[in-house]
Amino acid sequence: MILFKVRNPKKERILEDTLQNVLGQMEARKYAAGLEQRGIEEARIRQYGFAFERKQVLIG
């Protein structure tokens, strides 16, 4: 599972904050649960968050 987010300077002070928000969103909205319901084993589910700001990117 991949989620992309562009840094919002009004809400996030640094790019690392954006990445933490991306990862937190995946956890809070339980995106992986939908895959598990379709029969995909939890051990096979990978979650990657991408945070962007201009030409910079952080992957978590």
PDB file of N, CA and C in Angstrom:
ATOM      1  N   MET A   1       0.845  -1.148   0.000  1.00  0.00           N
ATOM      2  CA  MET A   1       0.000   0.000   0.000  1.00  0.00           C
ATOM      3  C   MET A   1       0.906   1.231   0.000  1.00  0.00           C
ATOM      4  N   ILE A   2       0.574   2.201  -0.820  1.00  0.00           N
ATOM      5  CA  ILE A   2       1.374   3.420  -0.956  1.00  0.00           C
ATOM      6  C   ILE A   2       0.457   4.629  -0.786  1.00  0.00           C
ATOM      7  N   LEU A   3       0.912   5.588   0.014  1.00  0.00           N
ATOM      8  CA  LEU A   3       0.155   6.822   0.213  1.00  0.00           C
ATOM      9  C   LEU A   3       1.105   7.999   0.011  1.00  0.00           C
ATOM     10  N   PHE A   4       0.684   8.970  -0.795  1.00  0.00           N
ATOM     11  CA  PHE A   4       1.487  10.142  -1.116  1.00  0.00           C
ATOM     12  C   PHE A   4       0.868  11.374  -0.467  1.00  0.00           C
ATOM     13  N   LYS A   5       1.746  12.288   0.005  1.00  0.00           N
ATOM     14  CA  LYS A   5       1.239  13.529   0.582  1.00  0.00           C
ATOM     15  C   LYS A   5       2.266  14.643   0.350  1.00  0.00           C
ATOM     16  N   VAL A   6       1.759  15.794  -0.045  1.00  0.00           N
ATOM     17  CA  VAL A   6       2.596  16.980  -0.221  1.00  0.00           C
ATOM     18  C   VAL A   6       2.554  17.788   1.067  1.00  0.00           C
ATOM     19  N   ARG A   7       3.698  18.280   1.505  1.00  0.00           N
ATOM     20  CA  ARG A   7       3.778  19.046   2.754  1.00  0.00           C
ATOM     21  C   ARG A   7       2.925  20.308   2.670  1.00  0.00           C
ATOM     22  N   ASN A   8       2.144  20.529   3.716  1.00  0.00           N
ATOM     23  CA  ASN A   8       1.337  21.737   3.859  1.00  0.00           C
ATOM     24  C   ASN A   8       2.023  22.596   4.919  1.00  0.00           C
ATOM     25  N   PRO A   9       2.684  23.692   4.519  1.00  0.00           N
ATOM     26  CA  PRO A   9       3.439  24.497   5.487  1.00  0.00           C
ATOM     27  C   PRO A   9       2.577  25.118   6.592  1.00  0.00           C
ATOM     28  N   LYS A  10       1.276  25.216   6.370  1.00  0.00           N
ATOM     29  CA  LYS A  10       0.395  25.758   7.401  1.00  0.00           C
ATOM     30  C   LYS A  10       0.149  24.742   8.512  1.00  0.00           C
ATOM     31  N   LYS A  11       0.249  23.439   8.181  1.00  0.00           N
ATOM     32  CA  LYS A  11      -0.041  22.389   9.159  1.00  0.00           C
ATOM     33  C   LYS A  11       1.199  21.642   9.625  1.00  0.00           C
ATOM     34  N   GLU A  12       2.234  21.599   8.791  1.00  0.00           N
ATOM     35  CA  GLU A  12       3.411  20.784   9.090  1.00  0.00           C
ATOM     36  C   GLU A  12       4.663  21.641   9.022  1.00  0.00           C
ATOM     37  N   ARG A  13       5.397  21.631  10.115  1.00  0.00           N
ATOM     38  CA  ARG A  13       6.577  22.485  10.221  1.00  0.00           C
ATOM     39  C   ARG A  13       7.707  22.009   9.324  1.00  0.00           C
ATOM     40  N   ILE A  14       7.948  20.690   9.316  1.00  0.00           N
ATOM     41  CA  ILE A  14       9.030  20.130   8.507  1.00  0.00           C
ATOM     42  C   ILE A  14       8.517  18.901   7.751  1.00  0.00           C
ATOM     43  N   LEU A  15       9.286  18.442   6.792  1.00  0.00           N
ATOM     44  CA  LEU A  15       8.880  17.319   5.959  1.00  0.00           C
ATOM     45  C   LEU A  15       8.691  16.038   6.771  1.00  0.00           C
ATOM     46  N   GLU A  16       9.456  15.877   7.826  1.00  0.00           N
ATOM     47  CA  GLU A  16       9.304  14.708   8.694  1.00  0.00           C
ATOM     48  C   GLU A  16       7.917  14.669   9.336  1.00  0.00           C
ATOM     49  N   ASP A  17       7.367  15.852   9.639  1.00  0.00           N
ATOM     50  CA  ASP A  17       6.001  15.922  10.190  1.00  0.00           C
ATOM     51  C   ASP A  17       4.985  15.393   9.172  1.00  0.00           C
ATOM     52  N   THR A  18       5.202  15.729   7.910  1.00  0.00           N
ATOM     53  CA  THR A  18       4.314  15.257   6.857  1.00  0.00           C
ATOM     54  C   THR A  18       4.365  13.737   6.770  1.00  0.00           C
ATOM     55  N   LEU A  19       5.561  13.181   6.841  1.00  0.00           N
ATOM     56  CA  LEU A  19       5.701  11.735   6.773  1.00  0.00           C
ATOM     57  C   LEU A  19       5.002  11.058   7.945  1.00  0.00           C
ATOM     58  N   GLN A  20       5.134  11.617   9.129  1.00  0.00           N
ATOM     59  CA  GLN A  20       4.458  11.051  10.294  1.00  0.00           C
ATOM     60  C   GLN A  20       2.937  11.123  10.131  1.00  0.00           C
ATOM     61  N   ASN A  21       2.448  12.197   9.524  1.00  0.00           N
ATOM     62  CA  ASN A  21       1.009  12.314   9.269  1.00  0.00           C
ATOM     63  C   ASN A  21       0.534  11.266   8.271  1.00  0.00           C
ATOM     64  N   VAL A  22       1.345  10.999   7.250  1.00  0.00           N
ATOM     65  CA  VAL A  22       0.994   9.976   6.262  1.00  0.00           C
ATOM     66  C   VAL A  22       0.895   8.606   6.938  1.00  0.00           C
ATOM     67  N   LEU A  23       1.906   8.263   7.714  1.00  0.00           N
ATOM     68  CA  LEU A  23       1.915   6.952   8.370  1.00  0.00           C
ATOM     69  C   LEU A  23       0.789   6.855   9.398  1.00  0.00           C
ATOM     70  N   GLY A  24       0.538   7.932  10.109  1.00  0.00           N
ATOM     71  CA  GLY A  24      -0.559   7.952  11.074  1.00  0.00           C
ATOM     72  C   GLY A  24      -1.914   7.809  10.407  1.00  0.00           C
ATOM     73  N   GLN A  25      -2.068   8.416   9.240  1.00  0.00           N
ATOM     74  CA  GLN A  25      -3.326   8.316   8.503  1.00  0.00           C
ATOM     75  C   GLN A  25      -3.591   6.877   8.082  1.00  0.00           C
ATOM     76  N   MET A  26      -2.557   6.188   7.618  1.00  0.00           N
ATOM     77  CA  MET A  26      -2.741   4.787   7.212  1.00  0.00           C
ATOM     78  C   MET A  26      -3.167   3.939   8.402  1.00  0.00           C
ATOM     79  N   GLU A  27      -2.596   4.216   9.549  1.00  0.00           N
ATOM     80  CA  GLU A  27      -2.937   3.453  10.754  1.00  0.00           C
ATOM     81  C   GLU A  27      -4.346   3.802  11.248  1.00  0.00           C
ATOM     82  N   ALA A  28      -4.661   5.089  11.288  1.00  0.00           N
ATOM     83  CA  ALA A  28      -5.953   5.537  11.818  1.00  0.00           C
ATOM     84  C   ALA A  28      -7.124   5.088  10.946  1.00  0.00           C
ATOM     85  N   ARG A  29      -6.926   5.106   9.647  1.00  0.00           N
ATOM     86  CA  ARG A  29      -8.018   4.737   8.733  1.00  0.00           C
ATOM     87  C   ARG A  29      -8.046   3.244   8.420  1.00  0.00           C
ATOM     88  N   LYS A  30      -7.098   2.528   8.995  1.00  0.00           N
ATOM     89  CA  LYS A  30      -7.058   1.064   8.882  1.00  0.00           C
ATOM     90  C   LYS A  30      -7.150   0.576   7.433  1.00  0.00           C
ATOM     91  N   TYR A  31      -6.320   1.168   6.590  1.00  0.00           N
ATOM     92  CA  TYR A  31      -6.305   0.779   5.186  1.00  0.00           C
ATOM     93  C   TYR A  31      -5.941  -0.701   5.015  1.00  0.00           C
ATOM     94  N   ALA A  32      -5.059  -1.205   5.851  1.00  0.00           N
ATOM     95  CA  ALA A  32      -4.627  -2.603   5.739  1.00  0.00           C
ATOM     96  C   ALA A  32      -5.774  -3.573   6.036  1.00  0.00           C
ATOM     97  N   ALA A  33      -6.719  -3.169   6.850  1.00  0.00           N
ATOM     98  CA  ALA A  33      -7.837  -4.045   7.211  1.00  0.00           C
ATOM     99  C   ALA A  33      -8.646  -4.461   5.982  1.00  0.00           C
ATOM    100  N   GLY A  34      -8.801  -3.551   5.049  1.00  0.00           N
ATOM    101  CA  GLY A  34      -9.523  -3.875   3.821  1.00  0.00           C
ATOM    102  C   GLY A  34      -8.822  -4.952   3.012  1.00  0.00           C
ATOM    103  N   LEU A  35      -7.505  -4.916   3.008  1.00  0.00           N
ATOM    104  CA  LEU A  35      -6.752  -5.949   2.296  1.00  0.00           C
ATOM    105  C   LEU A  35      -6.844  -7.284   3.020  1.00  0.00           C
ATOM    106  N   GLU A  36      -6.809  -7.224   4.342  1.00  0.00           N
ATOM    107  CA  GLU A  36      -6.922  -8.450   5.132  1.00  0.00           C
ATOM    108  C   GLU A  36      -8.289  -9.101   4.921  1.00  0.00           C
ATOM    109  N   GLN A  37      -9.317  -8.290   4.786  1.00  0.00           N
ATOM    110  CA  GLN A  37     -10.661  -8.823   4.546  1.00  0.00           C
ATOM    111  C   GLN A  37     -10.755  -9.523   3.194  1.00  0.00           C
ATOM    112  N   ARG A  38      -9.906  -9.125   2.286  1.00  0.00           N
ATOM    113  CA  ARG A  38      -9.881  -9.760   0.960  1.00  0.00           C
ATOM    114  C   ARG A  38      -9.019 -11.021   0.940  1.00  0.00           C
ATOM    115  N   GLY A  39      -8.485 -11.390   2.105  1.00  0.00           N
ATOM    116  CA  GLY A  39      -7.727 -12.630   2.205  1.00  0.00           C
ATOM    117  C   GLY A  39      -6.224 -12.487   2.112  1.00  0.00           C
ATOM    118  N   ILE A  40      -5.721 -11.261   2.106  1.00  0.00           N
ATOM    119  CA  ILE A  40      -4.275 -11.061   2.063  1.00  0.00           C
ATOM    120  C   ILE A  40      -3.735 -11.137   3.484  1.00  0.00           C
ATOM    121  N   GLU A  41      -2.724 -11.946   3.675  1.00  0.00           N
ATOM    122  CA  GLU A  41      -2.146 -12.130   5.005  1.00  0.00           C
ATOM    123  C   GLU A  41      -1.471 -10.842   5.476  1.00  0.00           C
ATOM    124  N   GLU A  42      -1.584 -10.570   6.764  1.00  0.00           N
ATOM    125  CA  GLU A  42      -0.996  -9.360   7.343  1.00  0.00           C
ATOM    126  C   GLU A  42       0.503  -9.290   7.088  1.00  0.00           C
ATOM    127  N   ALA A  43       1.178 -10.426   7.143  1.00  0.00           N
ATOM    128  CA  ALA A  43       2.627 -10.468   6.941  1.00  0.00           C
ATOM    129  C   ALA A  43       3.032 -10.057   5.522  1.00  0.00           C
ATOM    130  N   ARG A  44       2.109 -10.149   4.576  1.00  0.00           N
ATOM    131  CA  ARG A  44       2.410  -9.802   3.185  1.00  0.00           C
ATOM    132  C   ARG A  44       2.083  -8.356   2.847  1.00  0.00           C
ATOM    133  N   ILE A  45       1.429  -7.650   3.751  1.00  0.00           N
ATOM    134  CA  ILE A  45       1.022  -6.262   3.495  1.00  0.00           C
ATOM    135  C   ILE A  45       2.159  -5.320   3.889  1.00  0.00           C
ATOM    136  N   ARG A  46       2.547  -4.482   2.958  1.00  0.00           N
ATOM    137  CA  ARG A  46       3.576  -3.470   3.196  1.00  0.00           C
ATOM    138  C   ARG A  46       2.930  -2.094   3.070  1.00  0.00           C
ATOM    139  N   GLN A  47       3.336  -1.183   3.946  1.00  0.00           N
ATOM    140  CA  GLN A  47       2.802   0.171   3.902  1.00  0.00           C
ATOM    141  C   GLN A  47       3.959   1.150   3.735  1.00  0.00           C
ATOM    142  N   TYR A  48       3.858   1.988   2.719  1.00  0.00           N
ATOM    143  CA  TYR A  48       4.885   2.979   2.437  1.00  0.00           C
ATOM    144  C   TYR A  48       4.229   4.346   2.340  1.00  0.00           C
ATOM    145  N   GLY A  49       4.817   5.305   3.017  1.00  0.00           N
ATOM    146  CA  GLY A  49       4.346   6.676   2.937  1.00  0.00           C
ATOM    147  C   GLY A  49       5.390   7.538   2.249  1.00  0.00           C
ATOM    148  N   PHE A  50       4.954   8.380   1.335  1.00  0.00           N
ATOM    149  CA  PHE A  50       5.834   9.293   0.627  1.00  0.00           C
ATOM    150  C   PHE A  50       5.425  10.719   0.970  1.00  0.00           C
ATOM    151  N   ALA A  51       6.354  11.506   1.459  1.00  0.00           N
ATOM    152  CA  ALA A  51       6.093  12.908   1.785  1.00  0.00           C
ATOM    153  C   ALA A  51       6.941  13.770   0.850  1.00  0.00           C
ATOM    154  N   PHE A  52       6.301  14.724   0.176  1.00  0.00           N
ATOM    155  CA  PHE A  52       6.972  15.554  -0.799  1.00  0.00           C
ATOM    156  C   PHE A  52       6.975  17.017  -0.393  1.00  0.00           C
ATOM    157  N   GLU A  53       8.061  17.685  -0.798  1.00  0.00           N
ATOM    158  CA  GLU A  53       8.131  19.150  -0.737  1.00  0.00           C
ATOM    159  C   GLU A  53       9.086  19.576  -1.840  1.00  0.00           C
ATOM    160  N   ARG A  54       8.537  20.143  -2.879  1.00  0.00           N
ATOM    161  CA  ARG A  54       9.298  20.508  -4.085  1.00  0.00           C
ATOM    162  C   ARG A  54      10.064  19.296  -4.602  1.00  0.00           C
ATOM    163  N   LYS A  55      11.403  19.341  -4.607  1.00  0.00           N
ATOM    164  CA  LYS A  55      12.197  18.227  -5.131  1.00  0.00           C
ATOM    165  C   LYS A  55      12.634  17.255  -4.032  1.00  0.00           C
ATOM    166  N   GLN A  56      12.240  17.503  -2.815  1.00  0.00           N
ATOM    167  CA  GLN A  56      12.620  16.622  -1.709  1.00  0.00           C
ATOM    168  C   GLN A  56      11.509  15.596  -1.469  1.00  0.00           C
ATOM    169  N   VAL A  57      11.929  14.395  -1.094  1.00  0.00           N
ATOM    170  CA  VAL A  57      10.968  13.340  -0.773  1.00  0.00           C
ATOM    171  C   VAL A  57      11.514  12.512   0.382  1.00  0.00           C
ATOM    172  N   LEU A  58      10.628  12.148   1.291  1.00  0.00           N
ATOM    173  CA  LEU A  58      10.954  11.224   2.367  1.00  0.00           C
ATOM    174  C   LEU A  58      10.054  10.004   2.215  1.00  0.00           C
ATOM    175  N   ILE A  59      10.629   8.841   2.415  1.00  0.00           N
ATOM    176  CA  ILE A  59       9.879   7.600   2.313  1.00  0.00           C
ATOM    177  C   ILE A  59       9.938   6.895   3.649  1.00  0.00           C
ATOM    178  N   GLY A  60       8.781   6.481   4.119  1.00  0.00           N
ATOM    179  CA  GLY A  60       8.755   5.785   5.413  1.00  0.00           C
ATOM    180  C   GLY A  60       7.863   4.577   5.353  1.00  0.00           C
TER     181      GLY A  60
END
